[in-house]
Structure formats: C-alpha cells, structure tokens
C-alpha cells in the first residue's frame, strides 16, 4: 500500500515550463520510479505527453506544418498516428473494469 503524506506528490525543485513542473524532473523522482516499477504508469500516455510538449515547444519556433513534419520524422509515425497523439480528445483510461451492483 502506498501512503503519501505530502499533497505535492512530485516535488521537483523550482523548474517549471509554462507554470507546470518539468516532466523530466517528475520522471526522475523516486516516487515516479516506484509507481513505474509497480506498472502503475501508462507508458504510452507518458510518451504521448512528451510528444505533445515537444510539439508545443516546436510551435514557438516553427509553423504547425513544419513542427508536425519534424515530429513525424523523429518518431517515424504516420501522419494519422501523430495527428491522433496531438489532437484527439483524451478520455482517462480505467485500469480495472467497473462493476455495478
């Protein structure tokens, strides 16, 4: 059983990107590593989050089309796959089935 007493689960110093904690610092925390070892982290969604963040950074310097092409080449995704990662509506996944009584 994991009990966390601190409300800030991922204390990572003062590094922030646009008011949000730096994802690389969060991933490097001991708590995150423990959750990952217990298979409680959705690795695909973590990858997608990194790609979305990278897209936002690229958009500050390049056009949407150029940013999209850079990521397509870097990750070897099809246009449709990258489009889904960047722009699809995300619905939280449930790890266990819902049982109604």
PDB file of N, CA and C in Angstrom:
ATOM      1  N   UNK A   1       0.840  -1.163   0.000  1.00  0.00           N
ATOM      2  CA  UNK A   1       0.000   0.000   0.000  1.00  0.00           C
ATOM      3  C   UNK A   1       0.892   1.235   0.000  1.00  0.00           C
ATOM      4  N   UNK A   2       0.556   2.200  -0.834  1.00  0.00           N
ATOM      5  CA  UNK A   2       1.324   3.432  -0.947  1.00  0.00           C
ATOM      6  C   UNK A   2       0.589   4.544  -0.239  1.00  0.00           C
ATOM      7  N   UNK A   3       1.222   5.117   0.786  1.00  0.00           N
ATOM      8  CA  UNK A   3       0.639   6.239   1.511  1.00  0.00           C
ATOM      9  C   UNK A   3       1.524   7.447   1.272  1.00  0.00           C
ATOM     10  N   UNK A   4       0.922   8.511   0.797  1.00  0.00           N
ATOM     11  CA  UNK A   4       1.663   9.736   0.525  1.00  0.00           C
ATOM     12  C   UNK A   4       1.107  10.815   1.434  1.00  0.00           C
ATOM     13  N   UNK A   5       1.966  11.379   2.262  1.00  0.00           N
ATOM     14  CA  UNK A   5       1.533  12.394   3.209  1.00  0.00           C
ATOM     15  C   UNK A   5       1.593  13.797   2.613  1.00  0.00           C
ATOM     16  N   UNK A   6       2.433  14.005   1.637  1.00  0.00           N
ATOM     17  CA  UNK A   6       2.595  15.327   1.048  1.00  0.00           C
ATOM     18  C   UNK A   6       1.590  15.496  -0.079  1.00  0.00           C
ATOM     19  N   UNK A   7       0.944  16.653  -0.160  1.00  0.00           N
ATOM     20  CA  UNK A   7      -0.024  16.870  -1.232  1.00  0.00           C
ATOM     21  C   UNK A   7       0.667  17.072  -2.568  1.00  0.00           C
ATOM     22  N   UNK A   8       1.927  17.494  -2.558  1.00  0.00           N
ATOM     23  CA  UNK A   8       2.675  17.648  -3.800  1.00  0.00           C
ATOM     24  C   UNK A   8       3.451  16.352  -4.025  1.00  0.00           C
ATOM     25  N   UNK A   9       2.877  15.441  -4.793  1.00  0.00           N
ATOM     26  CA  UNK A   9       3.470  14.122  -4.980  1.00  0.00           C
ATOM     27  C   UNK A   9       4.830  14.167  -5.635  1.00  0.00           C
ATOM     28  N   UNK A  10       5.046  15.128  -6.499  1.00  0.00           N
ATOM     29  CA  UNK A  10       6.270  15.154  -7.282  1.00  0.00           C
ATOM     30  C   UNK A  10       7.037  16.444  -7.026  1.00  0.00           C
ATOM     31  N   UNK A  11       7.578  16.591  -5.827  1.00  0.00           N
ATOM     32  CA  UNK A  11       8.386  17.770  -5.549  1.00  0.00           C
ATOM     33  C   UNK A  11       9.658  17.686  -6.362  1.00  0.00           C
ATOM     34  N   UNK A  12       9.893  18.696  -7.180  1.00  0.00           N
ATOM     35  CA  UNK A  12      10.980  18.623  -8.143  1.00  0.00           C
ATOM     36  C   UNK A  12      11.786  19.905  -8.197  1.00  0.00           C
ATOM     37  N   UNK A  13      11.917  20.602  -7.140  1.00  0.00           N
ATOM     38  CA  UNK A  13      12.657  21.851  -7.221  1.00  0.00           C
ATOM     39  C   UNK A  13      11.775  22.933  -7.806  1.00  0.00           C
ATOM     40  N   UNK A  14      12.406  23.923  -8.394  1.00  0.00           N
ATOM     41  CA  UNK A  14      11.662  25.072  -8.893  1.00  0.00           C
ATOM     42  C   UNK A  14      11.563  25.114 -10.400  1.00  0.00           C
ATOM     43  N   UNK A  15      12.028  24.102 -11.120  1.00  0.00           N
ATOM     44  CA  UNK A  15      11.976  24.133 -12.579  1.00  0.00           C
ATOM     45  C   UNK A  15      10.548  23.944 -13.056  1.00  0.00           C
ATOM     46  N   UNK A  16      10.088  24.911 -13.830  1.00  0.00           N
ATOM     47  CA  UNK A  16       8.755  24.803 -14.412  1.00  0.00           C
ATOM     48  C   UNK A  16       8.817  25.213 -15.867  1.00  0.00           C
ATOM     49  N   UNK A  17       7.872  24.684 -16.623  1.00  0.00           N
ATOM     50  CA  UNK A  17       7.698  25.063 -18.013  1.00  0.00           C
ATOM     51  C   UNK A  17       6.282  25.586 -18.133  1.00  0.00           C
ATOM     52  N   UNK A  18       6.146  26.862 -18.437  1.00  0.00           N
ATOM     53  CA  UNK A  18       4.826  27.493 -18.554  1.00  0.00           C
ATOM     54  C   UNK A  18       3.975  27.263 -17.306  1.00  0.00           C
ATOM     55  N   UNK A  19       4.584  27.350 -16.116  1.00  0.00           N
ATOM     56  CA  UNK A  19       3.845  27.184 -14.879  1.00  0.00           C
ATOM     57  C   UNK A  19       3.609  25.747 -14.466  1.00  0.00           C
ATOM     58  N   UNK A  20       4.051  24.793 -15.264  1.00  0.00           N
ATOM     59  CA  UNK A  20       3.892  23.378 -14.936  1.00  0.00           C
ATOM     60  C   UNK A  20       5.258  22.793 -14.589  1.00  0.00           C
ATOM     61  N   UNK A  21       5.306  21.802 -13.690  1.00  0.00           N
ATOM     62  CA  UNK A  21       6.592  21.181 -13.365  1.00  0.00           C
ATOM     63  C   UNK A  21       7.225  20.548 -14.600  1.00  0.00           C
ATOM     64  N   UNK A  22       8.535  20.532 -14.638  1.00  0.00           N
ATOM     65  CA  UNK A  22       9.273  19.928 -15.741  1.00  0.00           C
ATOM     66  C   UNK A  22       9.051  18.415 -15.730  1.00  0.00           C
ATOM     67  N   UNK A  23       8.566  17.882 -16.839  1.00  0.00           N
ATOM     68  CA  UNK A  23       8.248  16.460 -16.941  1.00  0.00           C
ATOM     69  C   UNK A  23       9.470  15.584 -16.692  1.00  0.00           C
ATOM     70  N   UNK A  24      10.636  15.994 -17.174  1.00  0.00           N
ATOM     71  CA  UNK A  24      11.855  15.201 -16.967  1.00  0.00           C
ATOM     72  C   UNK A  24      12.207  15.100 -15.487  1.00  0.00           C
ATOM     73  N   UNK A  25      11.968  16.159 -14.736  1.00  0.00           N
ATOM     74  CA  UNK A  25      12.221  16.103 -13.294  1.00  0.00           C
ATOM     75  C   UNK A  25      11.220  15.191 -12.600  1.00  0.00           C
ATOM     76  N   UNK A  26       9.971  15.233 -13.008  1.00  0.00           N
ATOM     77  CA  UNK A  26       8.953  14.366 -12.412  1.00  0.00           C
ATOM     78  C   UNK A  26       9.307  12.906 -12.642  1.00  0.00           C
ATOM     79  N   UNK A  27       9.690  12.575 -13.874  1.00  0.00           N
ATOM     80  CA  UNK A  27      10.010  11.192 -14.231  1.00  0.00           C
ATOM     81  C   UNK A  27      11.212  10.686 -13.444  1.00  0.00           C
ATOM     82  N   UNK A  28      12.098  11.584 -13.039  1.00  0.00           N
ATOM     83  CA  UNK A  28      13.297  11.163 -12.327  1.00  0.00           C
ATOM     84  C   UNK A  28      13.103  11.012 -10.819  1.00  0.00           C
ATOM     85  N   UNK A  29      11.930  11.359 -10.289  1.00  0.00           N
ATOM     86  CA  UNK A  29      11.710  11.248  -8.846  1.00  0.00           C
ATOM     87  C   UNK A  29      11.590   9.791  -8.419  1.00  0.00           C
ATOM     88  N   UNK A  30      11.907   9.549  -7.167  1.00  0.00           N
ATOM     89  CA  UNK A  30      11.834   8.188  -6.618  1.00  0.00           C
ATOM     90  C   UNK A  30      10.390   7.673  -6.612  1.00  0.00           C
ATOM     91  N   UNK A  31       9.439   8.539  -6.290  1.00  0.00           N
ATOM     92  CA  UNK A  31       8.041   8.116  -6.266  1.00  0.00           C
ATOM     93  C   UNK A  31       7.592   7.677  -7.651  1.00  0.00           C
ATOM     94  N   UNK A  32       7.955   8.459  -8.652  1.00  0.00           N
ATOM     95  CA  UNK A  32       7.575   8.101 -10.015  1.00  0.00           C
ATOM     96  C   UNK A  32       8.199   6.762 -10.404  1.00  0.00           C
ATOM     97  N   UNK A  33       9.460   6.566 -10.075  1.00  0.00           N
ATOM     98  CA  UNK A  33      10.142   5.312 -10.400  1.00  0.00           C
ATOM     99  C   UNK A  33       9.477   4.131  -9.693  1.00  0.00           C
ATOM    100  N   UNK A  34       9.027   4.345  -8.466  1.00  0.00           N
ATOM    101  CA  UNK A  34       8.326   3.286  -7.726  1.00  0.00           C
ATOM    102  C   UNK A  34       6.994   2.965  -8.408  1.00  0.00           C
ATOM    103  N   UNK A  35       6.240   3.992  -8.788  1.00  0.00           N
ATOM    104  CA  UNK A  35       4.970   3.772  -9.478  1.00  0.00           C
ATOM    105  C   UNK A  35       5.197   3.066 -10.813  1.00  0.00           C
ATOM    106  N   UNK A  36       6.259   3.434 -11.510  1.00  0.00           N
ATOM    107  CA  UNK A  36       6.589   2.784 -12.777  1.00  0.00           C
ATOM    108  C   UNK A  36       6.942   1.308 -12.546  1.00  0.00           C
ATOM    109  N   UNK A  37       7.713   1.017 -11.515  1.00  0.00           N
ATOM    110  CA  UNK A  37       8.095  -0.371 -11.239  1.00  0.00           C
ATOM    111  C   UNK A  37       6.885  -1.228 -10.871  1.00  0.00           C
ATOM    112  N   UNK A  38       5.861  -0.602 -10.327  1.00  0.00           N
ATOM    113  CA  UNK A  38       4.620  -1.313  -9.989  1.00  0.00           C
ATOM    114  C   UNK A  38       3.646  -1.361 -11.165  1.00  0.00           C
ATOM    115  N   UNK A  39       4.104  -0.867 -12.317  1.00  0.00           N
ATOM    116  CA  UNK A  39       3.299  -0.853 -13.549  1.00  0.00           C
ATOM    117  C   UNK A  39       2.033  -0.012 -13.395  1.00  0.00           C
ATOM    118  N   UNK A  40       2.147   1.081 -12.629  1.00  0.00           N
ATOM    119  CA  UNK A  40       1.015   1.978 -12.436  1.00  0.00           C
ATOM    120  C   UNK A  40       1.091   3.208 -13.331  1.00  0.00           C
ATOM    121  N   UNK A  41       2.099   3.265 -14.188  1.00  0.00           N
ATOM    122  CA  UNK A  41       2.272   4.372 -15.119  1.00  0.00           C
ATOM    123  C   UNK A  41       1.932   3.882 -16.523  1.00  0.00           C
ATOM    124  N   UNK A  42       1.092   4.610 -17.220  1.00  0.00           N
ATOM    125  CA  UNK A  42       0.749   4.292 -18.595  1.00  0.00           C
ATOM    126  C   UNK A  42       1.883   4.823 -19.478  1.00  0.00           C
ATOM    127  N   UNK A  43       2.768   3.927 -19.903  1.00  0.00           N
ATOM    128  CA  UNK A  43       3.965   4.323 -20.654  1.00  0.00           C
ATOM    129  C   UNK A  43       3.612   4.962 -21.996  1.00  0.00           C
ATOM    130  N   UNK A  44       2.572   4.475 -22.651  1.00  0.00           N
ATOM    131  CA  UNK A  44       2.168   5.050 -23.937  1.00  0.00           C
ATOM    132  C   UNK A  44       1.689   6.477 -23.750  1.00  0.00           C
ATOM    133  N   UNK A  45       0.892   6.710 -22.732  1.00  0.00           N
ATOM    134  CA  UNK A  45       0.399   8.068 -22.490  1.00  0.00           C
ATOM    135  C   UNK A  45       1.525   8.985 -22.046  1.00  0.00           C
ATOM    136  N   UNK A  46       2.504   8.463 -21.335  1.00  0.00           N
ATOM    137  CA  UNK A  46       3.674   9.258 -20.962  1.00  0.00           C
ATOM    138  C   UNK A  46       4.448   9.675 -22.212  1.00  0.00           C
ATOM    139  N   UNK A  47       4.644   8.736 -23.130  1.00  0.00           N
ATOM    140  CA  UNK A  47       5.303   9.058 -24.401  1.00  0.00           C
ATOM    141  C   UNK A  47       4.514  10.124 -25.157  1.00  0.00           C
ATOM    142  N   UNK A  48       3.198   9.966 -25.213  1.00  0.00           N
ATOM    143  CA  UNK A  48       2.353  10.925 -25.923  1.00  0.00           C
ATOM    144  C   UNK A  48       2.418  12.310 -25.285  1.00  0.00           C
ATOM    145  N   UNK A  49       2.479  12.356 -23.962  1.00  0.00           N
ATOM    146  CA  UNK A  49       2.598  13.637 -23.267  1.00  0.00           C
ATOM    147  C   UNK A  49       3.908  14.319 -23.630  1.00  0.00           C
ATOM    148  N   UNK A  50       4.990  13.554 -23.681  1.00  0.00           N
ATOM    149  CA  UNK A  50       6.284  14.122 -24.080  1.00  0.00           C
ATOM    150  C   UNK A  50       6.216  14.661 -25.511  1.00  0.00           C
ATOM    151  N   UNK A  51       5.552  13.938 -26.395  1.00  0.00           N
ATOM    152  CA  UNK A  51       5.429  14.379 -27.790  1.00  0.00           C
ATOM    153  C   UNK A  51       4.592  15.651 -27.873  1.00  0.00           C
ATOM    154  N   UNK A  52       3.493  15.716 -27.118  1.00  0.00           N
ATOM    155  CA  UNK A  52       2.660  16.927 -27.127  1.00  0.00           C
ATOM    156  C   UNK A  52       3.441  18.132 -26.597  1.00  0.00           C
ATOM    157  N   UNK A  53       4.224  17.922 -25.546  1.00  0.00           N
ATOM    158  CA  UNK A  53       5.051  19.009 -25.017  1.00  0.00           C
ATOM    159  C   UNK A  53       6.104  19.451 -26.026  1.00  0.00           C
ATOM    160  N   UNK A  54       6.703  18.489 -26.704  1.00  0.00           N
ATOM    161  CA  UNK A  54       7.698  18.813 -27.723  1.00  0.00           C
ATOM    162  C   UNK A  54       7.059  19.595 -28.874  1.00  0.00           C
ATOM    163  N   UNK A  55       5.851  19.214 -29.256  1.00  0.00           N
ATOM    164  CA  UNK A  55       5.130  19.929 -30.314  1.00  0.00           C
ATOM    165  C   UNK A  55       4.899  21.390 -29.911  1.00  0.00           C
ATOM    166  N   UNK A  56       4.477  21.609 -28.659  1.00  0.00           N
ATOM    167  CA  UNK A  56       4.241  22.974 -28.181  1.00  0.00           C
ATOM    168  C   UNK A  56       5.526  23.810 -28.249  1.00  0.00           C
ATOM    169  N   UNK A  57       6.653  23.204 -27.869  1.00  0.00           N
ATOM    170  CA  UNK A  57       7.933  23.910 -27.934  1.00  0.00           C
ATOM    171  C   UNK A  57       8.313  24.214 -29.383  1.00  0.00           C
ATOM    172  N   UNK A  58       8.109  23.257 -30.280  1.00  0.00           N
ATOM    173  CA  UNK A  58       8.425  23.473 -31.690  1.00  0.00           C
ATOM    174  C   UNK A  58       7.564  24.571 -32.293  1.00  0.00           C
ATOM    175  N   UNK A  59       6.305  24.640 -31.868  1.00  0.00           N
ATOM    176  CA  UNK A  59       5.385  25.650 -32.410  1.00  0.00           C
ATOM    177  C   UNK A  59       5.812  27.073 -32.080  1.00  0.00           C
ATOM    178  N   UNK A  60       6.622  27.242 -31.040  1.00  0.00           N
ATOM    179  CA  UNK A  60       7.117  28.573 -30.699  1.00  0.00           C
ATOM    180  C   UNK A  60       8.120  29.067 -31.737  1.00  0.00           C
ATOM    181  N   UNK A  61       8.747  28.125 -32.478  1.00  0.00           N
ATOM    182  CA  UNK A  61       9.773  28.491 -33.462  1.00  0.00           C
ATOM    183  C   UNK A  61       9.377  28.204 -34.898  1.00  0.00           C
ATOM    184  N   UNK A  62       8.475  27.237 -35.106  1.00  0.00           N
ATOM    185  CA  UNK A  62       8.146  26.794 -36.457  1.00  0.00           C
ATOM    186  C   UNK A  62       6.642  26.838 -36.690  1.00  0.00           C
ATOM    187  N   UNK A  63       6.264  26.722 -37.963  1.00  0.00           N
ATOM    188  CA  UNK A  63       4.840  26.647 -38.307  1.00  0.00           C
ATOM    189  C   UNK A  63       4.278  25.298 -37.844  1.00  0.00           C
ATOM    190  N   UNK A  64       2.951  25.193 -37.847  1.00  0.00           N
ATOM    191  CA  UNK A  64       2.306  23.938 -37.453  1.00  0.00           C
ATOM    192  C   UNK A  64       2.745  22.797 -38.365  1.00  0.00           C
ATOM    193  N   UNK A  65       2.775  23.063 -39.679  1.00  0.00           N
ATOM    194  CA  UNK A  65       3.149  22.013 -40.635  1.00  0.00           C
ATOM    195  C   UNK A  65       4.593  21.573 -40.437  1.00  0.00           C
ATOM    196  N   UNK A  66       5.495  22.533 -40.225  1.00  0.00           N
ATOM    197  CA  UNK A  66       6.904  22.188 -40.023  1.00  0.00           C
ATOM    198  C   UNK A  66       7.095  21.422 -38.716  1.00  0.00           C
ATOM    199  N   UNK A  67       6.427  21.843 -37.650  1.00  0.00           N
ATOM    200  CA  UNK A  67       6.517  21.151 -36.361  1.00  0.00           C
ATOM    201  C   UNK A  67       6.002  19.722 -36.483  1.00  0.00           C
ATOM    202  N   UNK A  68       4.894  19.575 -37.184  1.00  0.00           N
ATOM    203  CA  UNK A  68       4.297  18.253 -37.399  1.00  0.00           C
ATOM    204  C   UNK A  68       5.266  17.357 -38.172  1.00  0.00           C
ATOM    205  N   UNK A  69       5.882  17.897 -39.198  1.00  0.00           N
ATOM    206  CA  UNK A  69       6.814  17.118 -40.023  1.00  0.00           C
ATOM    207  C   UNK A  69       8.064  16.721 -39.237  1.00  0.00           C
ATOM    208  N   UNK A  70       8.561  17.614 -38.408  1.00  0.00           N
ATOM    209  CA  UNK A  70       9.732  17.309 -37.574  1.00  0.00           C
ATOM    210  C   UNK A  70       9.437  16.119 -36.669  1.00  0.00           C
ATOM    211  N   UNK A  71       8.269  16.131 -36.028  1.00  0.00           N
ATOM    212  CA  UNK A  71       7.908  15.027 -35.132  1.00  0.00           C
ATOM    213  C   UNK A  71       7.627  13.740 -35.893  1.00  0.00           C
ATOM    214  N   UNK A  72       7.009  13.850 -37.062  1.00  0.00           N
ATOM    215  CA  UNK A  72       6.758  12.659 -37.891  1.00  0.00           C
ATOM    216  C   UNK A  72       8.072  11.985 -38.245  1.00  0.00           C
ATOM    217  N   UNK A  73       9.060  12.776 -38.639  1.00  0.00           N
ATOM    218  CA  UNK A  73      10.362  12.226 -38.995  1.00  0.00           C
ATOM    219  C   UNK A  73      11.095  11.668 -37.776  1.00  0.00           C
ATOM    220  N   UNK A  74      11.039  12.386 -36.670  1.00  0.00           N
ATOM    221  CA  UNK A  74      11.771  11.974 -35.463  1.00  0.00           C
ATOM    222  C   UNK A  74      11.254  10.658 -34.902  1.00  0.00           C
ATOM    223  N   UNK A  75       9.949  10.493 -34.849  1.00  0.00           N
ATOM    224  CA  UNK A  75       9.355   9.313 -34.209  1.00  0.00           C
ATOM    225  C   UNK A  75       8.890   8.250 -35.207  1.00  0.00           C
ATOM    226  N   UNK A  76       9.045   8.502 -36.486  1.00  0.00           N
ATOM    227  CA  UNK A  76       8.625   7.552 -37.543  1.00  0.00           C
ATOM    228  C   UNK A  76       7.165   7.176 -37.427  1.00  0.00           C
ATOM    229  N   UNK A  77       6.325   8.168 -37.122  1.00  0.00           N
ATOM    230  CA  UNK A  77       4.890   7.949 -37.065  1.00  0.00           C
ATOM    231  C   UNK A  77       4.267   8.304 -38.406  1.00  0.00           C
ATOM    232  N   UNK A  78       3.149   7.677 -38.696  1.00  0.00           N
ATOM    233  CA  UNK A  78       2.365   8.122 -39.847  1.00  0.00           C
ATOM    234  C   UNK A  78       1.698   9.445 -39.480  1.00  0.00           C
ATOM    235  N   UNK A  79       1.222  10.162 -40.488  1.00  0.00           N
ATOM    236  CA  UNK A  79       0.527  11.425 -40.225  1.00  0.00           C
ATOM    237  C   UNK A  79      -0.694  11.199 -39.335  1.00  0.00           C
ATOM    238  N   UNK A  80      -1.420  10.129 -39.611  1.00  0.00           N
ATOM    239  CA  UNK A  80      -2.635   9.841 -38.841  1.00  0.00           C
ATOM    240  C   UNK A  80      -2.300   9.531 -37.376  1.00  0.00           C
ATOM    241  N   UNK A  81      -1.253   8.774 -37.147  1.00  0.00           N
ATOM    242  CA  UNK A  81      -0.876   8.414 -35.774  1.00  0.00           C
ATOM    243  C   UNK A  81      -0.461   9.657 -34.989  1.00  0.00           C
ATOM    244  N   UNK A  82       0.373  10.499 -35.592  1.00  0.00           N
ATOM    245  CA  UNK A  82       0.809  11.708 -34.901  1.00  0.00           C
ATOM    246  C   UNK A  82      -0.369  12.659 -34.696  1.00  0.00           C
ATOM    247  N   UNK A  83      -1.251  12.756 -35.657  1.00  0.00           N
ATOM    248  CA  UNK A  83      -2.437  13.588 -35.514  1.00  0.00           C
ATOM    249  C   UNK A  83      -3.279  13.126 -34.325  1.00  0.00           C
ATOM    250  N   UNK A  84      -3.425  11.819 -34.162  1.00  0.00           N
ATOM    251  CA  UNK A  84      -4.180  11.287 -33.018  1.00  0.00           C
ATOM    252  C   UNK A  84      -3.511  11.640 -31.696  1.00  0.00           C
ATOM    253  N   UNK A  85      -2.194  11.532 -31.643  1.00  0.00           N
ATOM    254  CA  UNK A  85      -1.472  11.850 -30.408  1.00  0.00           C
ATOM    255  C   UNK A  85      -1.639  13.322 -30.055  1.00  0.00           C
ATOM    256  N   UNK A  86      -1.515  14.186 -31.043  1.00  0.00           N
ATOM    257  CA  UNK A  86      -1.528  15.624 -30.781  1.00  0.00           C
ATOM    258  C   UNK A  86      -2.920  16.204 -30.575  1.00  0.00           C
ATOM    259  N   UNK A  87      -3.913  15.716 -31.304  1.00  0.00           N
ATOM    260  CA  UNK A  87      -5.181  16.436 -31.350  1.00  0.00           C
ATOM    261  C   UNK A  87      -6.422  15.658 -30.924  1.00  0.00           C
ATOM    262  N   UNK A  88      -6.308  14.382 -30.658  1.00  0.00           N
ATOM    263  CA  UNK A  88      -7.511  13.640 -30.272  1.00  0.00           C
ATOM    264  C   UNK A  88      -7.949  14.027 -28.872  1.00  0.00           C
ATOM    265  N   UNK A  89      -9.238  13.907 -28.630  1.00  0.00           N
ATOM    266  CA  UNK A  89      -9.775  14.157 -27.303  1.00  0.00           C
ATOM    267  C   UNK A  89      -9.365  12.988 -26.417  1.00  0.00           C
ATOM    268  N   UNK A  90      -8.754  13.290 -25.275  1.00  0.00           N
ATOM    269  CA  UNK A  90      -8.265  12.243 -24.395  1.00  0.00           C
ATOM    270  C   UNK A  90      -9.289  11.927 -23.320  1.00  0.00           C
ATOM    271  N   UNK A  91      -9.612  10.658 -23.203  1.00  0.00           N
ATOM    272  CA  UNK A  91     -10.537  10.170 -22.190  1.00  0.00           C
ATOM    273  C   UNK A  91      -9.720   9.298 -21.240  1.00  0.00           C
ATOM    274  N   UNK A  92      -9.791   9.562 -19.937  1.00  0.00           N
ATOM    275  CA  UNK A  92      -8.995   8.758 -18.996  1.00  0.00           C
ATOM    276  C   UNK A  92      -9.330   7.273 -19.109  1.00  0.00           C
ATOM    277  N   UNK A  93      -8.285   6.463 -19.099  1.00  0.00           N
ATOM    278  CA  UNK A  93      -8.467   5.009 -19.169  1.00  0.00           C
ATOM    279  C   UNK A  93      -8.623   4.458 -17.763  1.00  0.00           C
ATOM    280  N   UNK A  94      -9.448   3.453 -17.636  1.00  0.00           N
ATOM    281  CA  UNK A  94      -9.599   2.766 -16.360  1.00  0.00           C
ATOM    282  C   UNK A  94      -8.792   1.478 -16.417  1.00  0.00           C
ATOM    283  N   UNK A  95      -8.030   1.222 -15.364  1.00  0.00           N
ATOM    284  CA  UNK A  95      -7.206   0.016 -15.332  1.00  0.00           C
ATOM    285  C   UNK A  95      -8.019  -1.221 -14.960  1.00  0.00           C
ATOM    286  N   UNK A  96      -9.114  -1.039 -14.246  1.00  0.00           N
ATOM    287  CA  UNK A  96      -9.924  -2.184 -13.867  1.00  0.00           C
ATOM    288  C   UNK A  96     -11.361  -1.941 -14.323  1.00  0.00           C
ATOM    289  N   UNK A  97     -12.095  -3.009 -14.564  1.00  0.00           N
ATOM    290  CA  UNK A  97     -13.472  -2.839 -15.020  1.00  0.00           C
ATOM    291  C   UNK A  97     -14.367  -2.272 -13.926  1.00  0.00           C
ATOM    292  N   UNK A  98     -15.399  -1.575 -14.340  1.00  0.00           N
ATOM    293  CA  UNK A  98     -16.377  -1.041 -13.388  1.00  0.00           C
ATOM    294  C   UNK A  98     -17.440  -2.119 -13.173  1.00  0.00           C
ATOM    295  N   UNK A  99     -17.726  -2.398 -11.926  1.00  0.00           N
ATOM    296  CA  UNK A  99     -18.717  -3.413 -11.591  1.00  0.00           C
ATOM    297  C   UNK A  99     -19.872  -2.721 -10.896  1.00  0.00           C
ATOM    298  N   UNK A 100     -21.069  -2.885 -11.442  1.00  0.00           N
ATOM    299  CA  UNK A 100     -22.266  -2.293 -10.860  1.00  0.00           C
ATOM    300  C   UNK A 100     -23.050  -3.377 -10.129  1.00  0.00           C
ATOM    301  N   UNK A 101     -23.607  -3.022  -8.996  1.00  0.00           N
ATOM    302  CA  UNK A 101     -24.422  -3.968  -8.218  1.00  0.00           C
ATOM    303  C   UNK A 101     -25.847  -3.516  -8.186  1.00  0.00           C
TER     304      UNK A 101
END
